[in-house]
Amino acid sequence: MIMDFKSTQTIYRQIVNWVFEQILSGSWKPGERAKSVRELAVAFEVNPNTVMRSYEYLQNQDIISNKRGIGYFINEDATEKILAIRKKEFLEEEVPEFLKNMRLLGIDFNEIVNSD
């Protein structure tokens, strides 16, 4: 697992997205224990505080829960919550950029629908 330190996206957010992918792909299943902060810090070669920030974000979004002394666990409705977060981000960030580029390049919607 490698972080892209040159990316414009923060490291903690890259870790969040990686966790999202693990859950969406079924690698991490609802109810299962997530990797520990230390495990991910070693795997990603980052400071444990960075992973902790990622896990705090995931907790705030109700994707994972902390069971004191045991670790972090994937919440039962994590998949649905991730899909809602990703959909919101897509609609707020990517779609406007896409539409702006269509307008700037003079691309008609029908060109997109009919392209192979």
C-alpha atoms as a PDB file:
ATOM      1  CA  MET A   1       0.000   0.000   0.000  1.00  0.00           C
ATOM      2  CA  ILE A   2       1.517   3.279  -1.108  1.00  0.00           C
ATOM      3  CA  MET A   3       0.393   6.823  -0.496  1.00  0.00           C
ATOM      4  CA  ASP A   4       0.784   9.399  -3.228  1.00  0.00           C
ATOM      5  CA  PHE A   5       2.624  12.140  -1.368  1.00  0.00           C
ATOM      6  CA  LYS A   6       2.584  14.352  -4.487  1.00  0.00           C
ATOM      7  CA  SER A   7      -1.202  14.218  -4.790  1.00  0.00           C
ATOM      8  CA  THR A   8      -3.259  17.319  -4.081  1.00  0.00           C
ATOM      9  CA  GLN A   9      -5.428  15.123  -1.863  1.00  0.00           C
ATOM     10  CA  THR A  10      -4.315  14.974   1.775  1.00  0.00           C
ATOM     11  CA  ILE A  11      -2.807  11.738   3.066  1.00  0.00           C
ATOM     12  CA  TYR A  12      -5.542  11.272   5.664  1.00  0.00           C
ATOM     13  CA  ARG A  13      -8.172  11.591   2.924  1.00  0.00           C
ATOM     14  CA  GLN A  14      -6.307   9.071   0.735  1.00  0.00           C
ATOM     15  CA  ILE A  15      -6.477   6.639   3.662  1.00  0.00           C
ATOM     16  CA  VAL A  16     -10.211   7.345   4.083  1.00  0.00           C
ATOM     17  CA  ASN A  17     -10.767   6.595   0.396  1.00  0.00           C
ATOM     18  CA  TRP A  18      -8.724   3.408   0.688  1.00  0.00           C
ATOM     19  CA  VAL A  19     -10.911   2.274   3.606  1.00  0.00           C
ATOM     20  CA  PHE A  20     -14.001   3.172   1.551  1.00  0.00           C
ATOM     21  CA  GLU A  21     -12.700   0.932  -1.242  1.00  0.00           C
ATOM     22  CA  GLN A  22     -12.006  -1.928   1.171  1.00  0.00           C
ATOM     23  CA  ILE A  23     -15.592  -1.779   2.420  1.00  0.00           C
ATOM     24  CA  LEU A  24     -17.211  -1.276  -0.990  1.00  0.00           C
ATOM     25  CA  SER A  25     -15.203  -4.148  -2.503  1.00  0.00           C
ATOM     26  CA  GLY A  26     -16.183  -6.466   0.339  1.00  0.00           C
ATOM     27  CA  SER A  27     -12.639  -6.899   1.642  1.00  0.00           C
ATOM     28  CA  TRP A  28     -13.790  -5.380   4.931  1.00  0.00           C
ATOM     29  CA  LYS A  29     -17.266  -6.582   5.853  1.00  0.00           C
ATOM     30  CA  PRO A  30     -19.796  -4.940   8.183  1.00  0.00           C
ATOM     31  CA  GLY A  31     -19.317  -6.113  11.744  1.00  0.00           C
ATOM     32  CA  GLU A  32     -15.683  -7.079  11.178  1.00  0.00           C
ATOM     33  CA  ARG A  33     -12.742  -5.544  12.959  1.00  0.00           C
ATOM     34  CA  ALA A  34     -10.823  -2.947  10.933  1.00  0.00           C
ATOM     35  CA  LYS A  35      -7.043  -2.889  10.836  1.00  0.00           C
ATOM     36  CA  SER A  36      -5.511  -1.104  13.798  1.00  0.00           C
ATOM     37  CA  VAL A  37      -4.131   2.410  13.556  1.00  0.00           C
ATOM     38  CA  ARG A  38      -0.635   1.026  14.034  1.00  0.00           C
ATOM     39  CA  GLU A  39      -1.075  -1.633  11.316  1.00  0.00           C
ATOM     40  CA  LEU A  40      -2.196   0.937   8.757  1.00  0.00           C
ATOM     41  CA  ALA A  41       0.509   3.410   9.757  1.00  0.00           C
ATOM     42  CA  VAL A  42       3.163   0.769   9.150  1.00  0.00           C
ATOM     43  CA  ALA A  43       1.547  -0.418   5.906  1.00  0.00           C
ATOM     44  CA  PHE A  44       1.213   3.116   4.507  1.00  0.00           C
ATOM     45  CA  GLU A  45       4.508   4.314   6.010  1.00  0.00           C
ATOM     46  CA  VAL A  46       2.813   7.306   7.620  1.00  0.00           C
ATOM     47  CA  ASN A  47       2.573   8.747  11.109  1.00  0.00           C
ATOM     48  CA  PRO A  48      -0.029   6.964  13.284  1.00  0.00           C
ATOM     49  CA  ASN A  49      -1.595  10.382  13.953  1.00  0.00           C
ATOM     50  CA  THR A  50      -2.455  10.602  10.249  1.00  0.00           C
ATOM     51  CA  VAL A  51      -4.246   7.251  10.373  1.00  0.00           C
ATOM     52  CA  MET A  52      -5.943   8.342  13.597  1.00  0.00           C
ATOM     53  CA  ARG A  53      -7.248  11.440  11.822  1.00  0.00           C
ATOM     54  CA  SER A  54      -8.654   9.183   9.086  1.00  0.00           C
ATOM     55  CA  TYR A  55     -10.346   6.958  11.644  1.00  0.00           C
ATOM     56  CA  GLU A  56     -11.769   9.998  13.444  1.00  0.00           C
ATOM     57  CA  TYR A  57     -13.297  11.151  10.151  1.00  0.00           C
ATOM     58  CA  LEU A  58     -14.707   7.655   9.551  1.00  0.00           C
ATOM     59  CA  GLN A  59     -16.169   7.618  13.069  1.00  0.00           C
ATOM     60  CA  ASN A  60     -17.732  11.047  12.554  1.00  0.00           C
ATOM     61  CA  GLN A  61     -19.331   9.749   9.343  1.00  0.00           C
ATOM     62  CA  ASP A  62     -20.599   6.678  11.259  1.00  0.00           C
ATOM     63  CA  ILE A  63     -18.641   4.275   9.028  1.00  0.00           C
ATOM     64  CA  ILE A  64     -16.669   2.692  11.879  1.00  0.00           C
ATOM     65  CA  SER A  65     -17.074   2.493  15.641  1.00  0.00           C
ATOM     66  CA  ASN A  66     -14.459   2.165  18.351  1.00  0.00           C
ATOM     67  CA  LYS A  67     -14.871  -0.523  20.989  1.00  0.00           C
ATOM     68  CA  ARG A  68     -12.521   0.543  23.751  1.00  0.00           C
ATOM     69  CA  GLY A  69      -9.653  -1.855  24.223  1.00  0.00           C
ATOM     70  CA  ILE A  70     -10.722  -4.012  21.283  1.00  0.00           C
ATOM     71  CA  GLY A  71     -10.380  -1.810  18.222  1.00  0.00           C
ATOM     72  CA  TYR A  72     -12.386  -0.322  15.385  1.00  0.00           C
ATOM     73  CA  PHE A  73     -15.262  -2.145  13.724  1.00  0.00           C
ATOM     74  CA  ILE A  74     -17.112  -1.609  10.458  1.00  0.00           C
ATOM     75  CA  ASN A  75     -20.685  -0.465  11.103  1.00  0.00           C
ATOM     76  CA  GLU A  76     -23.524  -2.527   9.636  1.00  0.00           C
ATOM     77  CA  ASP A  77     -24.732   0.292   7.352  1.00  0.00           C
ATOM     78  CA  ALA A  78     -21.246   1.434   6.330  1.00  0.00           C
ATOM     79  CA  THR A  79     -21.719   0.565   2.646  1.00  0.00           C
ATOM     80  CA  GLU A  80     -24.868   2.672   2.332  1.00  0.00           C
ATOM     81  CA  LYS A  81     -23.236   5.597   4.133  1.00  0.00           C
ATOM     82  CA  ILE A  82     -20.146   5.435   1.923  1.00  0.00           C
ATOM     83  CA  LEU A  83     -22.284   5.369  -1.220  1.00  0.00           C
ATOM     84  CA  ALA A  84     -24.180   8.430   0.029  1.00  0.00           C
ATOM     85  CA  ILE A  85     -20.914  10.278   0.771  1.00  0.00           C
ATOM     86  CA  ARG A  86     -19.397   9.353  -2.589  1.00  0.00           C
ATOM     87  CA  LYS A  87     -22.584  10.321  -4.459  1.00  0.00           C
ATOM     88  CA  LYS A  88     -22.686  13.708  -2.724  1.00  0.00           C
ATOM     89  CA  GLU A  89     -19.001  14.345  -3.498  1.00  0.00           C
ATOM     90  CA  PHE A  90     -19.503  13.289  -7.125  1.00  0.00           C
ATOM     91  CA  LEU A  91     -22.469  15.599  -7.601  1.00  0.00           C
ATOM     92  CA  GLU A  92     -20.823  18.544  -5.821  1.00  0.00           C
ATOM     93  CA  GLU A  93     -17.267  18.227  -7.139  1.00  0.00           C
ATOM     94  CA  GLU A  94     -16.917  16.103 -10.257  1.00  0.00           C
ATOM     95  CA  VAL A  95     -20.134  16.832 -12.149  1.00  0.00           C
ATOM     96  CA  PRO A  96     -19.687  20.638 -12.094  1.00  0.00           C
ATOM     97  CA  GLU A  97     -16.099  20.235 -13.338  1.00  0.00           C
ATOM     98  CA  PHE A  98     -17.270  17.848 -16.061  1.00  0.00           C
ATOM     99  CA  LEU A  99     -20.037  20.216 -17.182  1.00  0.00           C
ATOM    100  CA  LYS A 100     -17.636  23.177 -17.177  1.00  0.00           C
ATOM    101  CA  ASN A 101     -15.225  21.228 -19.407  1.00  0.00           C
ATOM    102  CA  MET A 102     -18.070  20.255 -21.737  1.00  0.00           C
ATOM    103  CA  ARG A 103     -19.017  23.911 -22.069  1.00  0.00           C
ATOM    104  CA  LEU A 104     -15.426  25.074 -22.591  1.00  0.00           C
ATOM    105  CA  LEU A 105     -14.745  22.390 -25.194  1.00  0.00           C
ATOM    106  CA  GLY A 106     -18.049  22.915 -26.958  1.00  0.00           C
ATOM    107  CA  ILE A 107     -19.157  19.339 -26.409  1.00  0.00           C
ATOM    108  CA  ASP A 108     -22.852  18.660 -26.835  1.00  0.00           C
ATOM    109  CA  PHE A 109     -24.555  16.194 -24.494  1.00  0.00           C
ATOM    110  CA  ASN A 110     -25.603  14.081 -27.488  1.00  0.00           C
ATOM    111  CA  GLU A 111     -21.914  13.641 -28.401  1.00  0.00           C
ATOM    112  CA  ILE A 112     -21.370  11.980 -25.044  1.00  0.00           C
ATOM    113  CA  VAL A 113     -24.475   9.805 -25.222  1.00  0.00           C
ATOM    114  CA  ASN A 114     -23.677   8.648 -28.761  1.00  0.00           C
ATOM    115  CA  SER A 115     -19.903   8.176 -28.342  1.00  0.00           C
ATOM    116  CA  ASP A 116     -18.518   4.650 -28.499  1.00  0.00           C
END
